[in-house]
C-alpha cells in the first residue's frame, strides 16, 4: 500500500544536498514592530532541523530523498 505525503509539511520542509532537513525559521512575522533588525535578519531563510524532530517528520514525508 502506498503511503501518503503530508502536503502541508512537504511545502514547509526541504532537504539539503547532504540529506539534512531544513525548516523555516520562526518568529519572523508575528509582532514584527517590536523586534530588532538583528532578530528579524536572523529569522530569514531556513535552519537545519534538530535531530530530535527528523524522525517525526520523516514519517510525514515518506518519499523525501528517494
N, C-alpha and C. Protein backbone atom coordinates (compact mmCIF):
# COMPACT_ATOMS: atom_id res chain seq x y z
N UNK A 1 0.83 -1.17 0.00
CA UNK A 1 0.00 0.00 0.00
C UNK A 1 0.89 1.25 0.00
N UNK A 2 0.52 2.20 -0.84
CA UNK A 2 1.30 3.44 -0.91
C UNK A 2 1.03 4.31 0.31
N UNK A 3 2.09 4.99 0.76
CA UNK A 3 1.95 5.93 1.87
C UNK A 3 1.63 7.30 1.32
N UNK A 4 0.91 8.09 2.10
CA UNK A 4 0.55 9.45 1.66
C UNK A 4 1.49 10.47 2.27
N UNK A 5 1.91 11.41 1.44
CA UNK A 5 2.73 12.53 1.90
C UNK A 5 1.84 13.57 2.55
N UNK A 6 2.26 14.09 3.69
CA UNK A 6 1.54 15.17 4.34
C UNK A 6 1.88 16.45 3.60
N UNK A 7 0.94 16.96 2.80
CA UNK A 7 1.21 18.03 1.84
C UNK A 7 1.61 19.34 2.50
N UNK A 8 1.00 19.67 3.64
CA UNK A 8 1.36 20.91 4.32
C UNK A 8 2.81 20.87 4.77
N UNK A 9 3.24 19.73 5.29
CA UNK A 9 4.62 19.58 5.72
C UNK A 9 5.56 19.62 4.53
N UNK A 10 5.16 19.03 3.42
CA UNK A 10 6.02 18.99 2.23
C UNK A 10 6.29 20.39 1.69
N UNK A 11 5.36 21.32 1.91
CA UNK A 11 5.55 22.68 1.43
C UNK A 11 6.50 23.47 2.33
N UNK A 12 6.70 23.02 3.56
CA UNK A 12 7.50 23.77 4.53
C UNK A 12 8.89 23.20 4.78
N UNK A 13 9.08 21.93 4.54
CA UNK A 13 10.34 21.27 4.84
C UNK A 13 11.07 20.98 3.53
N UNK A 14 12.39 21.20 3.54
CA UNK A 14 13.17 20.83 2.37
C UNK A 14 14.45 20.14 2.81
N UNK A 15 15.07 19.46 1.87
CA UNK A 15 16.24 18.66 2.17
C UNK A 15 17.48 19.28 1.53
N UNK A 16 18.59 19.27 2.27
CA UNK A 16 19.84 19.79 1.74
C UNK A 16 20.50 18.73 0.87
N UNK A 17 21.57 19.11 0.22
CA UNK A 17 22.29 18.16 -0.62
C UNK A 17 22.88 17.01 0.16
N UNK A 18 23.22 17.25 1.43
CA UNK A 18 23.80 16.19 2.25
C UNK A 18 22.74 15.36 2.96
N UNK A 19 21.45 15.68 2.74
CA UNK A 19 20.38 14.87 3.29
C UNK A 19 19.78 15.39 4.58
N UNK A 20 20.27 16.51 5.10
CA UNK A 20 19.69 17.07 6.31
C UNK A 20 18.38 17.79 5.96
N UNK A 21 17.48 17.87 6.93
CA UNK A 21 16.22 18.56 6.72
C UNK A 21 16.33 20.00 7.20
N UNK A 22 15.69 20.90 6.46
CA UNK A 22 15.66 22.32 6.82
C UNK A 22 14.22 22.73 7.04
N UNK A 23 14.02 23.65 7.99
CA UNK A 23 12.68 24.19 8.24
C UNK A 23 12.78 25.71 8.29
N UNK A 24 11.69 26.40 7.96
CA UNK A 24 11.72 27.86 8.03
C UNK A 24 11.96 28.33 9.46
N UNK A 25 12.69 29.40 9.59
CA UNK A 25 12.94 29.97 10.91
C UNK A 25 11.66 30.62 11.42
N UNK A 26 11.43 30.51 12.72
CA UNK A 26 10.20 31.04 13.31
C UNK A 26 10.37 32.49 13.75
N UNK A 27 9.30 33.08 14.16
CA UNK A 27 9.24 34.43 14.76
C UNK A 27 9.62 35.54 13.80
N UNK A 28 9.34 35.38 12.53
CA UNK A 28 9.70 36.41 11.57
C UNK A 28 8.55 37.37 11.26
N UNK A 29 7.31 36.94 11.44
CA UNK A 29 6.18 37.76 11.01
C UNK A 29 5.36 38.34 12.14
N UNK A 30 5.07 37.55 13.15
CA UNK A 30 4.12 37.99 14.19
C UNK A 30 4.77 39.03 15.10
N UNK A 31 4.09 40.15 15.30
CA UNK A 31 4.56 41.25 16.16
C UNK A 31 5.94 41.76 15.73
N UNK A 32 6.07 42.05 14.46
CA UNK A 32 7.36 42.48 13.89
C UNK A 32 7.84 43.82 14.43
N UNK A 33 6.93 44.72 14.71
CA UNK A 33 7.33 46.09 15.03
C UNK A 33 8.13 46.20 16.33
N UNK A 34 8.02 45.23 17.21
CA UNK A 34 8.76 45.30 18.46
C UNK A 34 10.06 44.50 18.45
N UNK A 35 10.39 43.90 17.32
CA UNK A 35 11.63 43.12 17.21
C UNK A 35 12.72 43.96 16.56
N UNK A 36 13.94 43.71 16.98
CA UNK A 36 15.06 44.46 16.44
C UNK A 36 15.38 43.97 15.03
N UNK A 37 16.10 44.80 14.28
CA UNK A 37 16.51 44.43 12.93
C UNK A 37 17.41 43.20 12.95
N UNK A 38 18.19 43.08 14.01
CA UNK A 38 19.09 41.94 14.14
C UNK A 38 18.30 40.63 14.29
N UNK A 39 17.25 40.65 15.08
CA UNK A 39 16.42 39.46 15.28
C UNK A 39 15.69 39.11 14.00
N UNK A 40 15.17 40.11 13.31
CA UNK A 40 14.44 39.85 12.06
C UNK A 40 15.38 39.33 10.97
N UNK A 41 16.60 39.83 10.92
CA UNK A 41 17.56 39.35 9.94
C UNK A 41 17.92 37.89 10.21
N UNK A 42 18.04 37.54 11.49
CA UNK A 42 18.36 36.16 11.86
C UNK A 42 17.21 35.21 11.56
N UNK A 43 15.99 35.74 11.49
CA UNK A 43 14.82 34.91 11.27
C UNK A 43 14.53 34.67 9.80
N UNK A 44 15.33 35.21 8.91
CA UNK A 44 15.11 34.99 7.47
C UNK A 44 15.64 33.61 7.08
N UNK A 45 15.02 33.05 6.08
CA UNK A 45 15.53 31.82 5.50
C UNK A 45 15.19 30.57 6.29
N UNK A 46 16.04 29.56 6.14
CA UNK A 46 15.82 28.25 6.73
C UNK A 46 16.92 27.92 7.71
N UNK A 47 16.64 26.98 8.61
CA UNK A 47 17.66 26.49 9.54
C UNK A 47 17.60 24.96 9.53
N UNK A 48 18.71 24.35 9.92
CA UNK A 48 18.78 22.89 9.98
C UNK A 48 17.89 22.40 11.12
N UNK A 49 17.12 21.37 10.85
CA UNK A 49 16.20 20.84 11.83
C UNK A 49 16.94 20.05 12.90
N UNK A 50 16.45 20.13 14.13
CA UNK A 50 17.03 19.37 15.24
C UNK A 50 16.88 17.88 14.99
N UNK A 51 17.87 17.12 15.43
CA UNK A 51 17.85 15.68 15.21
C UNK A 51 16.66 15.01 15.88
N UNK A 52 16.17 15.60 16.97
CA UNK A 52 15.03 15.02 17.68
C UNK A 52 13.76 15.06 16.83
N UNK A 53 13.67 16.00 15.90
CA UNK A 53 12.47 16.15 15.09
C UNK A 53 12.53 15.41 13.76
N UNK A 54 13.71 15.01 13.33
CA UNK A 54 13.87 14.43 12.00
C UNK A 54 13.06 13.16 11.84
N UNK A 55 13.07 12.29 12.83
CA UNK A 55 12.35 11.02 12.73
C UNK A 55 10.85 11.26 12.60
N UNK A 56 10.33 12.23 13.33
CA UNK A 56 8.90 12.53 13.28
C UNK A 56 8.50 13.06 11.91
N UNK A 57 9.32 13.94 11.34
CA UNK A 57 9.00 14.50 10.03
C UNK A 57 9.23 13.49 8.91
N UNK A 58 10.11 12.54 9.12
CA UNK A 58 10.34 11.51 8.11
C UNK A 58 9.08 10.65 7.90
N UNK A 59 8.29 10.49 8.94
CA UNK A 59 7.03 9.75 8.81
C UNK A 59 6.00 10.53 7.99
N UNK A 60 6.03 11.85 8.11
CA UNK A 60 5.09 12.67 7.36
C UNK A 60 5.49 12.80 5.88
N UNK A 61 6.79 12.62 5.61
CA UNK A 61 7.31 12.75 4.25
C UNK A 61 8.01 11.47 3.85
N UNK A 62 7.24 10.40 3.58
CA UNK A 62 7.86 9.09 3.36
C UNK A 62 8.71 8.99 2.10
N UNK A 63 8.50 9.85 1.12
CA UNK A 63 9.23 9.73 -0.15
C UNK A 63 10.26 10.84 -0.32
N UNK A 64 10.54 11.59 0.71
CA UNK A 64 11.55 12.63 0.64
C UNK A 64 12.93 11.98 0.57
N UNK A 65 13.68 12.36 -0.42
CA UNK A 65 15.03 11.83 -0.54
C UNK A 65 15.13 10.49 -1.22
N UNK A 66 14.05 9.99 -1.82
CA UNK A 66 14.12 8.72 -2.52
C UNK A 66 14.14 8.93 -4.01
